């Protein structure tokens, strides 16, 4: 029996108290052995380092210090989380944390409307911080940084309030605006999360406010241009909805997105040459308000954190068809982030 550890970030205004771990059975798809790992206010997003030696968590609050929320660095020691240090994120309600391969960490401050980029010390603790303010980019709209991502093309960050992905490149003095400083979406789209295919020739963005997924293609100059937008909702659904998370399957053949309201995972197939997507189906999440979800390392399962129904649901994934089959659930208070 092969088991893998899943860390769960939660909201702590109910029964949860912070970060938990579960054991996932990759044969049966079952979750068990719940253990509290760290007491922390609203650790709503987590990231684990590539060497599996450190875990980082936001504190999605407005009162860590005078500027807003916080972020905490942990090391793994004998199966336990040891807190290294915590620092202010430089803005209120940090909602996402991302790691680079070059020893940096980016925190997206939602209400603060800015990005914090920390240098990481040799022991994994948080070092010096650079702040990038999105509020100065558009004074007529309210900035809401939502996700950052480092790759070989630089640093990308969605801003839900500014309806775009902001791009940065690294210079000697820190991160500055890149040649394509903004990948723009329609007014009111509300870009939230995004993912790239393996060679970064295509970019997939899920838009929270208008319930769509937009596909971008990279041109010869390295800029991303929109080529397709598809609805995430069924045509006969007329209720409220807010999209949340998006992931590609390990082989890049299928794209998944979460609908909070319709309470589904929408499934698209991906054309390898054009990058365009085609609807396969939708699957009920068997819960309420699916926040983040993850694919297992093998790609054979998909796990969904359902915030309002206080459960994590598990699906077996058909690698050839991309479809999902519900296999079970695990109850836990206000789960919002899952990471293997």
C-alpha atoms as a PDB file:
ATOM      1  CA  UNK A   1       0.000   0.000   0.000  1.00  0.00           C
ATOM      2  CA  UNK A   2       1.497   3.303  -1.112  1.00  0.00           C
ATOM      3  CA  UNK A   3       0.542   6.350   0.943  1.00  0.00           C
ATOM      4  CA  UNK A   4       1.428   9.988   0.373  1.00  0.00           C
ATOM      5  CA  UNK A   5       1.157  12.965   2.695  1.00  0.00           C
ATOM      6  CA  UNK A   6      -1.283  15.742   1.839  1.00  0.00           C
ATOM      7  CA  UNK A   7      -1.060  19.040   3.703  1.00  0.00           C
ATOM      8  CA  UNK A   8      -4.293  20.967   4.165  1.00  0.00           C
ATOM      9  CA  UNK A   9      -4.568  24.729   4.616  1.00  0.00           C
ATOM     10  CA  UNK A  10      -7.772  25.955   6.246  1.00  0.00           C
ATOM     11  CA  UNK A  11      -9.731  28.975   7.384  1.00  0.00           C
ATOM     12  CA  UNK A  12      -9.702  29.138  11.175  1.00  0.00           C
ATOM     13  CA  UNK A  13     -12.886  31.081  11.940  1.00  0.00           C
ATOM     14  CA  UNK A  14     -14.660  27.762  12.612  1.00  0.00           C
ATOM     15  CA  UNK A  15     -13.505  24.384  13.877  1.00  0.00           C
ATOM     16  CA  UNK A  16     -10.080  24.309  12.221  1.00  0.00           C
ATOM     17  CA  UNK A  17      -6.982  25.680  13.931  1.00  0.00           C
ATOM     18  CA  UNK A  18      -4.381  25.813  11.173  1.00  0.00           C
ATOM     19  CA  UNK A  19      -2.425  23.363   9.011  1.00  0.00           C
ATOM     20  CA  UNK A  20      -3.223  19.640   8.982  1.00  0.00           C
ATOM     21  CA  UNK A  21      -1.837  16.551   7.299  1.00  0.00           C
ATOM     22  CA  UNK A  22      -3.614  13.526   5.862  1.00  0.00           C
ATOM     23  CA  UNK A  23      -2.416  10.250   4.404  1.00  0.00           C
ATOM     24  CA  UNK A  24      -3.599   9.512   0.872  1.00  0.00           C
ATOM     25  CA  UNK A  25      -3.761   5.930  -0.351  1.00  0.00           C
ATOM     26  CA  UNK A  26      -2.926   6.110  -4.045  1.00  0.00           C
ATOM     27  CA  UNK A  27      -4.413   2.658  -4.697  1.00  0.00           C
ATOM     28  CA  UNK A  28      -7.820   3.108  -3.087  1.00  0.00           C
ATOM     29  CA  UNK A  29      -8.040   6.910  -3.171  1.00  0.00           C
ATOM     30  CA  UNK A  30      -8.874   7.060   0.530  1.00  0.00           C
ATOM     31  CA  UNK A  31      -7.803   9.761   2.999  1.00  0.00           C
ATOM     32  CA  UNK A  32      -7.152   9.120   6.699  1.00  0.00           C
ATOM     33  CA  UNK A  33      -4.824   9.759   9.664  1.00  0.00           C
ATOM     34  CA  UNK A  34      -5.679  13.434  10.201  1.00  0.00           C
ATOM     35  CA  UNK A  35      -3.006  15.215  12.225  1.00  0.00           C
ATOM     36  CA  UNK A  36      -2.719  18.876  13.271  1.00  0.00           C
ATOM     37  CA  UNK A  37       0.665  20.219  12.157  1.00  0.00           C
ATOM     38  CA  UNK A  38       0.706  23.922  13.043  1.00  0.00           C
ATOM     39  CA  UNK A  39      -1.629  26.392  14.711  1.00  0.00           C
ATOM     40  CA  UNK A  40      -1.808  29.443  12.474  1.00  0.00           C
ATOM     41  CA  UNK A  41      -4.547  31.981  11.656  1.00  0.00           C
ATOM     42  CA  UNK A  42      -6.073  31.381   8.209  1.00  0.00           C
ATOM     43  CA  UNK A  43      -3.251  29.440   6.481  1.00  0.00           C
ATOM     44  CA  UNK A  44      -5.296  29.556   3.278  1.00  0.00           C
ATOM     45  CA  UNK A  45      -2.478  28.786   0.861  1.00  0.00           C
ATOM     46  CA  UNK A  46       0.573  26.551   1.214  1.00  0.00           C
ATOM     47  CA  UNK A  47       3.667  25.778  -0.849  1.00  0.00           C
ATOM     48  CA  UNK A  48       6.263  23.027  -0.375  1.00  0.00           C
ATOM     49  CA  UNK A  49       9.839  23.466  -1.595  1.00  0.00           C
ATOM     50  CA  UNK A  50      11.147  21.224  -4.372  1.00  0.00           C
ATOM     51  CA  UNK A  51      13.574  19.498  -2.001  1.00  0.00           C
ATOM     52  CA  UNK A  52      10.640  18.760   0.362  1.00  0.00           C
ATOM     53  CA  UNK A  53      12.504  20.342   3.277  1.00  0.00           C
ATOM     54  CA  UNK A  54      10.333  23.426   3.797  1.00  0.00           C
ATOM     55  CA  UNK A  55       6.705  24.519   3.807  1.00  0.00           C
ATOM     56  CA  UNK A  56       5.441  28.089   3.524  1.00  0.00           C
ATOM     57  CA  UNK A  57       1.998  29.341   4.545  1.00  0.00           C
ATOM     58  CA  UNK A  58       0.201  32.649   4.298  1.00  0.00           C
ATOM     59  CA  UNK A  59      -1.668  34.099   7.244  1.00  0.00           C
ATOM     60  CA  UNK A  60      -4.672  35.535   5.405  1.00  0.00           C
ATOM     61  CA  UNK A  61      -5.463  38.286   7.900  1.00  0.00           C
ATOM     62  CA  UNK A  62      -5.289  42.073   8.107  1.00  0.00           C
ATOM     63  CA  UNK A  63      -3.729  42.315  11.553  1.00  0.00           C
ATOM     64  CA  UNK A  64      -0.386  40.498  11.535  1.00  0.00           C
ATOM     65  CA  UNK A  65       1.210  43.951  11.663  1.00  0.00           C
ATOM     66  CA  UNK A  66       0.330  47.512  10.704  1.00  0.00           C
ATOM     67  CA  UNK A  67       0.431  46.682   6.970  1.00  0.00           C
ATOM     68  CA  UNK A  68      -1.730  43.571   6.951  1.00  0.00           C
ATOM     69  CA  UNK A  69      -1.205  39.808   6.822  1.00  0.00           C
ATOM     70  CA  UNK A  70       1.762  37.531   7.256  1.00  0.00           C
ATOM     71  CA  UNK A  71       3.682  34.557   5.920  1.00  0.00           C
ATOM     72  CA  UNK A  72       5.385  31.784   7.878  1.00  0.00           C
ATOM     73  CA  UNK A  73       8.299  29.505   6.970  1.00  0.00           C
ATOM     74  CA  UNK A  74       8.540  25.969   8.353  1.00  0.00           C
ATOM     75  CA  UNK A  75      11.086  23.173   8.103  1.00  0.00           C
ATOM     76  CA  UNK A  76      10.264  19.465   8.173  1.00  0.00           C
ATOM     77  CA  UNK A  77      11.923  17.686  11.093  1.00  0.00           C
ATOM     78  CA  UNK A  78      11.038  14.076  11.957  1.00  0.00           C
ATOM     79  CA  UNK A  79       7.613  14.419  10.395  1.00  0.00           C
ATOM     80  CA  UNK A  80       6.867  17.627  12.274  1.00  0.00           C
ATOM     81  CA  UNK A  81       6.653  21.227  11.148  1.00  0.00           C
ATOM     82  CA  UNK A  82       9.148  23.470  12.920  1.00  0.00           C
ATOM     83  CA  UNK A  83       8.475  27.182  12.576  1.00  0.00           C
ATOM     84  CA  UNK A  84      11.533  29.071  11.316  1.00  0.00           C
ATOM     85  CA  UNK A  85      10.141  32.605  11.240  1.00  0.00           C
ATOM     86  CA  UNK A  86       7.158  34.750  10.283  1.00  0.00           C
ATOM     87  CA  UNK A  87       7.130  38.131   8.582  1.00  0.00           C
ATOM     88  CA  UNK A  88       4.570  40.641   7.477  1.00  0.00           C
ATOM     89  CA  UNK A  89       3.478  40.212   3.872  1.00  0.00           C
ATOM     90  CA  UNK A  90       3.258  43.963   3.320  1.00  0.00           C
ATOM     91  CA  UNK A  91      -0.467  43.966   2.561  1.00  0.00           C
ATOM     92  CA  UNK A  92      -3.794  42.750   3.884  1.00  0.00           C
ATOM     93  CA  UNK A  93      -5.199  39.264   3.255  1.00  0.00           C
ATOM     94  CA  UNK A  94      -2.350  37.415   1.503  1.00  0.00           C
ATOM     95  CA  UNK A  95      -4.026  34.606  -0.442  1.00  0.00           C
ATOM     96  CA  UNK A  96      -1.254  32.850  -2.392  1.00  0.00           C
ATOM     97  CA  UNK A  97       2.407  31.935  -2.004  1.00  0.00           C
ATOM     98  CA  UNK A  98       4.787  30.753  -4.750  1.00  0.00           C
ATOM     99  CA  UNK A  99       8.392  29.561  -4.764  1.00  0.00           C
ATOM    100  CA  UNK A 100      11.098  30.165  -7.349  1.00  0.00           C
ATOM    101  CA  UNK A 101      13.934  27.793  -8.219  1.00  0.00           C
ATOM    102  CA  UNK A 102      16.391  30.529  -7.270  1.00  0.00           C
ATOM    103  CA  UNK A 103      15.585  30.955  -3.599  1.00  0.00           C
ATOM    104  CA  UNK A 104      12.744  33.458  -3.605  1.00  0.00           C
ATOM    105  CA  UNK A 105       9.137  33.425  -2.473  1.00  0.00           C
ATOM    106  CA  UNK A 106       6.270  35.582  -3.766  1.00  0.00           C
ATOM    107  CA  UNK A 107       3.173  36.417  -1.732  1.00  0.00           C
ATOM    108  CA  UNK A 108       0.025  37.862  -3.329  1.00  0.00           C
ATOM    109  CA  UNK A 109      -1.773  40.330  -1.048  1.00  0.00           C
ATOM    110  CA  UNK A 110      -5.412  40.402  -2.144  1.00  0.00           C
ATOM    111  CA  UNK A 111      -6.801  43.371  -0.233  1.00  0.00           C
ATOM    112  CA  UNK A 112      -3.385  45.019  -0.108  1.00  0.00           C
ATOM    113  CA  UNK A 113      -3.215  45.005  -3.895  1.00  0.00           C
ATOM    114  CA  UNK A 114       0.497  44.244  -3.980  1.00  0.00           C
ATOM    115  CA  UNK A 115       3.140  41.556  -4.261  1.00  0.00           C
ATOM    116  CA  UNK A 116       5.779  40.749  -1.658  1.00  0.00           C
ATOM    117  CA  UNK A 117       8.918  38.973  -2.854  1.00  0.00           C
ATOM    118  CA  UNK A 118      11.151  37.515  -0.154  1.00  0.00           C
ATOM    119  CA  UNK A 119      14.712  36.281  -0.450  1.00  0.00           C
ATOM    120  CA  UNK A 120      15.049  32.927   1.309  1.00  0.00           C
ATOM    121  CA  UNK A 121      17.975  32.316   3.638  1.00  0.00           C
ATOM    122  CA  UNK A 122      20.143  29.185   3.474  1.00  0.00           C
ATOM    123  CA  UNK A 123      18.051  27.518   6.188  1.00  0.00           C
ATOM    124  CA  UNK A 124      14.789  28.273   4.338  1.00  0.00           C
ATOM    125  CA  UNK A 125      13.731  31.158   6.556  1.00  0.00           C
ATOM    126  CA  UNK A 126      12.319  34.421   5.212  1.00  0.00           C
ATOM    127  CA  UNK A 127      14.846  37.172   4.476  1.00  0.00           C
ATOM    128  CA  UNK A 128      14.653  40.606   2.852  1.00  0.00           C
ATOM    129  CA  UNK A 129      11.418  41.714   1.195  1.00  0.00           C
ATOM    130  CA  UNK A 130      10.670  43.659  -1.982  1.00  0.00           C
ATOM    131  CA  UNK A 131       7.178  45.126  -2.419  1.00  0.00           C
ATOM    132  CA  UNK A 132       5.581  45.701  -5.822  1.00  0.00           C
ATOM    133  CA  UNK A 133       2.500  47.915  -5.600  1.00  0.00           C
ATOM    134  CA  UNK A 134      -0.262  47.219  -8.134  1.00  0.00           C
ATOM    135  CA  UNK A 135      -2.386  50.132  -6.933  1.00  0.00           C
ATOM    136  CA  UNK A 136      -0.195  52.604  -8.819  1.00  0.00           C
ATOM    137  CA  UNK A 137      -0.801  50.733 -12.102  1.00  0.00           C
ATOM    138  CA  UNK A 138      -4.458  51.782 -12.299  1.00  0.00           C
ATOM    139  CA  UNK A 139      -5.871  54.417  -9.980  1.00  0.00           C
ATOM    140  CA  UNK A 140      -9.454  53.998 -11.228  1.00  0.00           C
ATOM    141  CA  UNK A 141      -9.821  50.331 -10.237  1.00  0.00           C
ATOM    142  CA  UNK A 142      -9.088  48.436  -7.029  1.00  0.00           C
ATOM    143  CA  UNK A 143      -6.035  46.164  -7.249  1.00  0.00           C
ATOM    144  CA  UNK A 144      -6.392  42.576  -5.963  1.00  0.00           C
ATOM    145  CA  UNK A 145      -3.250  40.482  -6.483  1.00  0.00           C
ATOM    146  CA  UNK A 146      -4.292  36.818  -6.456  1.00  0.00           C
ATOM    147  CA  UNK A 147      -1.555  34.468  -7.661  1.00  0.00           C
ATOM    148  CA  UNK A 148       2.120  34.697  -8.592  1.00  0.00           C
ATOM    149  CA  UNK A 149       4.274  32.224 -10.496  1.00  0.00           C
ATOM    150  CA  UNK A 150       7.985  32.104 -11.278  1.00  0.00           C
ATOM    151  CA  UNK A 151       9.338  30.438 -14.423  1.00  0.00           C
ATOM    152  CA  UNK A 152      12.122  30.877 -16.964  1.00  0.00           C
ATOM    153  CA  UNK A 153      10.217  33.786 -18.546  1.00  0.00           C
ATOM    154  CA  UNK A 154      10.093  35.765 -15.304  1.00  0.00           C
ATOM    155  CA  UNK A 155       7.439  36.427 -12.685  1.00  0.00           C
ATOM    156  CA  UNK A 156       3.735  36.437 -13.560  1.00  0.00           C
ATOM    157  CA  UNK A 157       0.993  37.700 -11.227  1.00  0.00           C
ATOM    158  CA  UNK A 158      -2.768  37.845 -11.711  1.00  0.00           C
ATOM    159  CA  UNK A 159      -4.631  40.895 -10.495  1.00  0.00           C
ATOM    160  CA  UNK A 160      -8.359  40.217 -10.246  1.00  0.00           C
ATOM    161  CA  UNK A 161      -9.221  43.888  -9.810  1.00  0.00           C
ATOM    162  CA  UNK A 162      -7.087  45.139 -12.702  1.00  0.00           C
ATOM    163  CA  UNK A 163      -8.215  42.357 -15.066  1.00  0.00           C
ATOM    164  CA  UNK A 164      -4.740  41.293 -16.090  1.00  0.00           C
ATOM    165  CA  UNK A 165      -1.594  39.318 -15.475  1.00  0.00           C
ATOM    166  CA  UNK A 166       1.317  41.567 -14.622  1.00  0.00           C
ATOM    167  CA  UNK A 167       4.750  40.473 -15.819  1.00  0.00           C
ATOM    168  CA  UNK A 168       8.121  41.157 -14.197  1.00  0.00           C
ATOM    169  CA  UNK A 169      11.745  40.424 -14.994  1.00  0.00           C
ATOM    170  CA  UNK A 170      14.621  40.190 -12.562  1.00  0.00           C
ATOM    171  CA  UNK A 171      17.282  42.890 -12.609  1.00  0.00           C
ATOM    172  CA  UNK A 172      20.196  43.517 -10.263  1.00  0.00           C
ATOM    173  CA  UNK A 173      18.084  45.734  -8.023  1.00  0.00           C
ATOM    174  CA  UNK A 174      15.037  43.438  -7.934  1.00  0.00           C
ATOM    175  CA  UNK A 175      11.972  42.696 -10.019  1.00  0.00           C
ATOM    176  CA  UNK A 176      10.818  45.305 -12.558  1.00  0.00           C
ATOM    177  CA  UNK A 177       8.125  45.466 -15.240  1.00  0.00           C
ATOM    178  CA  UNK A 178       8.848  43.187 -18.221  1.00  0.00           C
ATOM    179  CA  UNK A 179       8.622  44.063 -21.915  1.00  0.00           C
ATOM    180  CA  UNK A 180       5.005  42.857 -21.970  1.00  0.00           C
ATOM    181  CA  UNK A 181       4.098  44.427 -18.672  1.00  0.00           C
ATOM    182  CA  UNK A 182       0.445  43.330 -18.721  1.00  0.00           C
ATOM    183  CA  UNK A 183      -1.459  40.435 -20.273  1.00  0.00           C
ATOM    184  CA  UNK A 184      -4.896  41.988 -20.402  1.00  0.00           C
ATOM    185  CA  UNK A 185      -8.324  40.389 -20.059  1.00  0.00           C
ATOM    186  CA  UNK A 186     -11.781  41.892 -20.666  1.00  0.00           C
ATOM    187  CA  UNK A 187     -13.142  44.305 -18.072  1.00  0.00           C
ATOM    188  CA  UNK A 188     -14.856  42.388 -15.295  1.00  0.00           C
ATOM    189  CA  UNK A 189     -13.220  39.035 -16.105  1.00  0.00           C
ATOM    190  CA  UNK A 190     -11.404  38.834 -12.771  1.00  0.00           C
ATOM    191  CA  UNK A 191      -8.397  36.586 -13.552  1.00  0.00           C
ATOM    192  CA  UNK A 192      -7.661  34.446 -10.503  1.00  0.00           C
ATOM    193  CA  UNK A 193      -5.393  31.431 -11.122  1.00  0.00           C
ATOM    194  CA  UNK A 194      -3.459  30.271 -14.181  1.00  0.00           C
ATOM    195  CA  UNK A 195      -1.220  27.526 -15.496  1.00  0.00           C
ATOM    196  CA  UNK A 196       1.236  26.995 -18.365  1.00  0.00           C
ATOM    197  CA  UNK A 197       1.776  23.965 -20.576  1.00  0.00           C
ATOM    198  CA  UNK A 198       5.159  22.237 -20.367  1.00  0.00           C
ATOM    199  CA  UNK A 199       7.099  24.449 -22.802  1.00  0.00           C
ATOM    200  CA  UNK A 200       5.184  27.634 -21.825  1.00  0.00           C
ATOM    201  CA  UNK A 201       3.888  28.104 -25.375  1.00  0.00           C
ATOM    202  CA  UNK A 202       0.339  28.332 -23.991  1.00  0.00           C
ATOM    203  CA  UNK A 203      -1.099  30.002 -20.915  1.00  0.00           C
ATOM    204  CA  UNK A 204      -4.477  29.111 -19.396  1.00  0.00           C
ATOM    205  CA  UNK A 205      -6.242  31.619 -17.117  1.00  0.00           C
ATOM    206  CA  UNK A 206      -9.402  30.979 -15.098  1.00  0.00           C
ATOM    207  CA  UNK A 207     -11.486  34.110 -14.571  1.00  0.00           C
ATOM    208  CA  UNK A 208     -13.360  34.275 -11.283  1.00  0.00           C
ATOM    209  CA  UNK A 209     -15.922  36.955 -12.045  1.00  0.00           C
ATOM    210  CA  UNK A 210     -17.233  36.056 -15.521  1.00  0.00           C
ATOM    211  CA  UNK A 211     -16.747  32.260 -15.189  1.00  0.00           C
ATOM    212  CA  UNK A 212     -14.518  31.716 -18.199  1.00  0.00           C
ATOM    213  CA  UNK A 213     -11.162  30.220 -19.139  1.00  0.00           C
ATOM    214  CA  UNK A 214      -8.983  32.183 -21.557  1.00  0.00           C
ATOM    215  CA  UNK A 215      -6.204  30.586 -23.605  1.00  0.00           C
ATOM    216  CA  UNK A 216      -3.143  32.643 -24.566  1.00  0.00           C
ATOM    217  CA  UNK A 217      -0.409  31.726 -27.060  1.00  0.00           C
ATOM    218  CA  UNK A 218       3.165  32.960 -26.835  1.00  0.00           C
ATOM    219  CA  UNK A 219       4.506  34.706 -29.949  1.00  0.00           C
ATOM    220  CA  UNK A 220       8.055  34.967 -31.268  1.00  0.00           C
ATOM    221  CA  UNK A 221       8.750  38.014 -29.097  1.00  0.00           C
ATOM    222  CA  UNK A 222       7.697  36.171 -25.947  1.00  0.00           C
ATOM    223  CA  UNK A 223       4.390  37.991 -25.544  1.00  0.00           C
ATOM    224  CA  UNK A 224       1.139  36.176 -24.796  1.00  0.00           C
ATOM    225  CA  UNK A 225      -1.918  36.862 -26.962  1.00  0.00           C
ATOM    226  CA  UNK A 226      -5.503  35.580 -26.434  1.00  0.00           C
ATOM    227  CA  UNK A 227      -6.706  32.924 -28.869  1.00  0.00           C
ATOM    228  CA  UNK A 228      -9.792  31.451 -27.150  1.00  0.00           C
ATOM    229  CA  UNK A 229     -12.244  31.993 -24.290  1.00  0.00           C
ATOM    230  CA  UNK A 230     -14.692  29.341 -23.100  1.00  0.00           C
ATOM    231  CA  UNK A 231     -17.437  29.377 -20.456  1.00  0.00           C
ATOM    232  CA  UNK A 232     -16.948  27.158 -17.421  1.00  0.00           C
ATOM    233  CA  UNK A 233     -20.663  26.881 -16.604  1.00  0.00           C
ATOM    234  CA  UNK A 234     -23.427  24.775 -18.075  1.00  0.00           C
ATOM    235  CA  UNK A 235     -25.701  26.791 -20.370  1.00  0.00           C
ATOM    236  CA  UNK A 236     -28.742  26.088 -18.191  1.00  0.00           C
ATOM    237  CA  UNK A 237     -27.104  27.169 -14.924  1.00  0.00           C
ATOM    238  CA  UNK A 238     -28.338  30.622 -13.891  1.00  0.00           C
ATOM    239  CA  UNK A 239     -27.106  30.889 -10.289  1.00  0.00           C
ATOM    240  CA  UNK A 240     -24.211  32.814  -8.818  1.00  0.00           C
ATOM    241  CA  UNK A 241     -20.717  31.475  -9.500  1.00  0.00           C
ATOM    242  CA  UNK A 242     -17.082  32.310  -8.796  1.00  0.00           C
ATOM    243  CA  UNK A 243     -14.335  30.306 -10.482  1.00  0.00           C
ATOM    244  CA  UNK A 244     -11.324  29.376  -8.370  1.00  0.00           C
ATOM    245  CA  UNK A 245      -8.537  27.003  -9.403  1.00  0.00           C
ATOM    246  CA  UNK A 246      -7.125  25.558 -12.638  1.00  0.00           C
ATOM    247  CA  UNK A 247      -4.737  22.686 -13.411  1.00  0.00           C
ATOM    248  CA  UNK A 248      -3.453  20.724 -16.390  1.00  0.00           C
ATOM    249  CA  UNK A 249      -3.122  16.947 -16.206  1.00  0.00           C
ATOM    250  CA  UNK A 250       0.488  15.690 -15.989  1.00  0.00           C
ATOM    251  CA  UNK A 251       0.458  14.757 -19.696  1.00  0.00           C
ATOM    252  CA  UNK A 252      -1.017  18.146 -20.668  1.00  0.00           C
ATOM    253  CA  UNK A 253      -3.967  16.558 -22.459  1.00  0.00           C
ATOM    254  CA  UNK A 254      -6.730  17.749 -20.119  1.00  0.00           C
ATOM    255  CA  UNK A 255      -7.520  20.987 -18.304  1.00  0.00           C
ATOM    256  CA  UNK A 256      -9.581  21.216 -15.103  1.00  0.00           C
ATOM    257  CA  UNK A 257     -11.226  24.211 -13.418  1.00  0.00           C
ATOM    258  CA  UNK A 258     -13.355  24.661 -10.293  1.00  0.00           C
ATOM    259  CA  UNK A 259     -16.737  26.417 -10.158  1.00  0.00           C
ATOM    260  CA  UNK A 260     -17.852  27.753  -6.771  1.00  0.00           C
ATOM    261  CA  UNK A 261     -21.622  28.059  -6.984  1.00  0.00           C
ATOM    262  CA  UNK A 262     -22.349  25.514  -9.680  1.00  0.00           C
ATOM    263  CA  UNK A 263     -20.059  23.374  -7.482  1.00  0.00           C
ATOM    264  CA  UNK A 264     -18.433  21.473 -10.304  1.00  0.00           C
ATOM    265  CA  UNK A 265     -15.095  20.637 -11.834  1.00  0.00           C
ATOM    266  CA  UNK A 266     -15.223  21.510 -15.524  1.00  0.00           C
ATOM    267  CA  UNK A 267     -13.109  19.305 -17.798  1.00  0.00           C
ATOM    268  CA  UNK A 268     -11.626  20.289 -21.159  1.00  0.00           C
ATOM    269  CA  UNK A 269      -9.443  18.370 -23.575  1.00  0.00           C
ATOM    270  CA  UNK A 270      -6.394  20.225 -24.913  1.00  0.00           C
ATOM    271  CA  UNK A 271      -5.210  20.143 -28.512  1.00  0.00           C
ATOM    272  CA  UNK A 272      -1.427  19.760 -28.309  1.00  0.00           C
ATOM    273  CA  UNK A 273      -0.659  21.718 -31.490  1.00  0.00           C
ATOM    274  CA  UNK A 274      -3.112  24.620 -31.257  1.00  0.00           C
ATOM    275  CA  UNK A 275      -3.378  24.762 -27.465  1.00  0.00           C
ATOM    276  CA  UNK A 276      -7.132  25.222 -27.772  1.00  0.00           C
ATOM    277  CA  UNK A 277      -9.579  23.521 -25.436  1.00  0.00           C
ATOM    278  CA  UNK A 278     -12.797  21.550 -26.019  1.00  0.00           C
ATOM    279  CA  UNK A 279     -15.412  20.727 -23.392  1.00  0.00           C
ATOM    280  CA  UNK A 280     -15.448  17.135 -22.167  1.00  0.00           C
ATOM    281  CA  UNK A 281     -17.847  17.254 -19.202  1.00  0.00           C
ATOM    282  CA  UNK A 282     -18.581  18.642 -15.758  1.00  0.00           C
ATOM    283  CA  UNK A 283     -18.459  16.675 -12.520  1.00  0.00           C
ATOM    284  CA  UNK A 284     -20.213  17.566  -9.265  1.00  0.00           C
ATOM    285  CA  UNK A 285     -17.696  18.128  -6.472  1.00  0.00           C
ATOM    286  CA  UNK A 286     -20.061  16.454  -3.953  1.00  0.00           C
ATOM    287  CA  UNK A 287     -19.594  19.486  -1.732  1.00  0.00           C
ATOM    288  CA  UNK A 288     -20.037  23.235  -1.537  1.00  0.00           C
ATOM    289  CA  UNK A 289     -17.644  25.965  -2.685  1.00  0.00           C
ATOM    290  CA  UNK A 290     -14.696  24.092  -4.245  1.00  0.00           C
ATOM    291  CA  UNK A 291     -11.688  26.273  -3.598  1.00  0.00           C
ATOM    292  CA  UNK A 292      -8.383  24.717  -4.604  1.00  0.00           C
ATOM    293  CA  UNK A 293      -7.947  21.203  -5.959  1.00  0.00           C
ATOM    294  CA  UNK A 294      -4.956  19.061  -6.845  1.00  0.00           C
ATOM    295  CA  UNK A 295      -4.064  16.153  -9.065  1.00  0.00           C
ATOM    296  CA  UNK A 296      -2.170  13.330  -7.393  1.00  0.00           C
ATOM    297  CA  UNK A 297       1.487  12.912  -8.461  1.00  0.00           C
ATOM    298  CA  UNK A 298       0.496   9.922 -10.624  1.00  0.00           C
ATOM    299  CA  UNK A 299      -2.351  11.874 -12.189  1.00  0.00           C
ATOM    300  CA  UNK A 300      -4.769   9.063 -11.357  1.00  0.00           C
ATOM    301  CA  UNK A 301      -6.761  11.006  -8.763  1.00  0.00           C
ATOM    302  CA  UNK A 302      -8.090  14.524  -8.222  1.00  0.00           C
ATOM    303  CA  UNK A 303      -8.764  15.922  -4.737  1.00  0.00           C
ATOM    304  CA  UNK A 304     -11.053  18.927  -4.096  1.00  0.00           C
ATOM    305  CA  UNK A 305     -11.108  21.210  -1.038  1.00  0.00           C
ATOM    306  CA  UNK A 306     -14.754  22.198  -0.469  1.00  0.00           C
ATOM    307  CA  UNK A 307     -14.665  25.175   1.875  1.00  0.00           C
ATOM    308  CA  UNK A 308     -18.323  25.592   2.878  1.00  0.00           C
ATOM    309  CA  UNK A 309     -19.265  21.909   3.156  1.00  0.00           C
ATOM    310  CA  UNK A 310     -16.183  21.142   5.268  1.00  0.00           C
ATOM    311  CA  UNK A 311     -14.980  18.196   3.233  1.00  0.00           C
ATOM    312  CA  UNK A 312     -12.311  17.009   0.814  1.00  0.00           C
ATOM    313  CA  UNK A 313     -13.687  14.900  -2.026  1.00  0.00           C
ATOM    314  CA  UNK A 314     -11.670  12.401  -4.042  1.00  0.00           C
ATOM    315  CA  UNK A 315     -12.119  11.375  -7.682  1.00  0.00           C
ATOM    316  CA  UNK A 316     -10.491   8.684  -9.769  1.00  0.00           C
ATOM    317  CA  UNK A 317      -9.336  10.136 -13.092  1.00  0.00           C
ATOM    318  CA  UNK A 318      -9.514   8.338 -16.433  1.00  0.00           C
ATOM    319  CA  UNK A 319      -6.190   9.281 -18.039  1.00  0.00           C
ATOM    320  CA  UNK A 320      -7.474   8.535 -21.568  1.00  0.00           C
ATOM    321  CA  UNK A 321     -10.826  10.311 -21.373  1.00  0.00           C
ATOM    322  CA  UNK A 322     -10.018  12.927 -18.716  1.00  0.00           C
ATOM    323  CA  UNK A 323     -13.258  12.141 -16.889  1.00  0.00           C
ATOM    324  CA  UNK A 324     -13.690  11.925 -13.111  1.00  0.00           C
ATOM    325  CA  UNK A 325     -15.391   9.312 -10.930  1.00  0.00           C
ATOM    326  CA  UNK A 326     -16.268  10.161  -7.330  1.00  0.00           C
ATOM    327  CA  UNK A 327     -14.786   7.689  -4.844  1.00  0.00           C
ATOM    328  CA  UNK A 328     -15.215   9.246  -1.401  1.00  0.00           C
ATOM    329  CA  UNK A 329     -14.716  12.134   0.988  1.00  0.00           C
ATOM    330  CA  UNK A 330     -13.031  13.191   4.217  1.00  0.00           C
ATOM    331  CA  UNK A 331     -14.580  15.700   6.626  1.00  0.00           C
ATOM    332  CA  UNK A 332     -12.438  18.605   7.846  1.00  0.00           C
ATOM    333  CA  UNK A 333     -13.277  22.180   8.785  1.00  0.00           C
ATOM    334  CA  UNK A 334     -13.063  24.788   5.990  1.00  0.00           C
ATOM    335  CA  UNK A 335     -10.364  23.226   3.785  1.00  0.00           C
ATOM    336  CA  UNK A 336      -9.119  25.693   1.170  1.00  0.00           C
ATOM    337  CA  UNK A 337      -5.697  24.491  -0.014  1.00  0.00           C
ATOM    338  CA  UNK A 338      -4.224  21.045  -0.692  1.00  0.00           C
ATOM    339  CA  UNK A 339      -0.616  20.189  -1.461  1.00  0.00           C
ATOM    340  CA  UNK A 340       1.235  16.874  -1.702  1.00  0.00           C
END
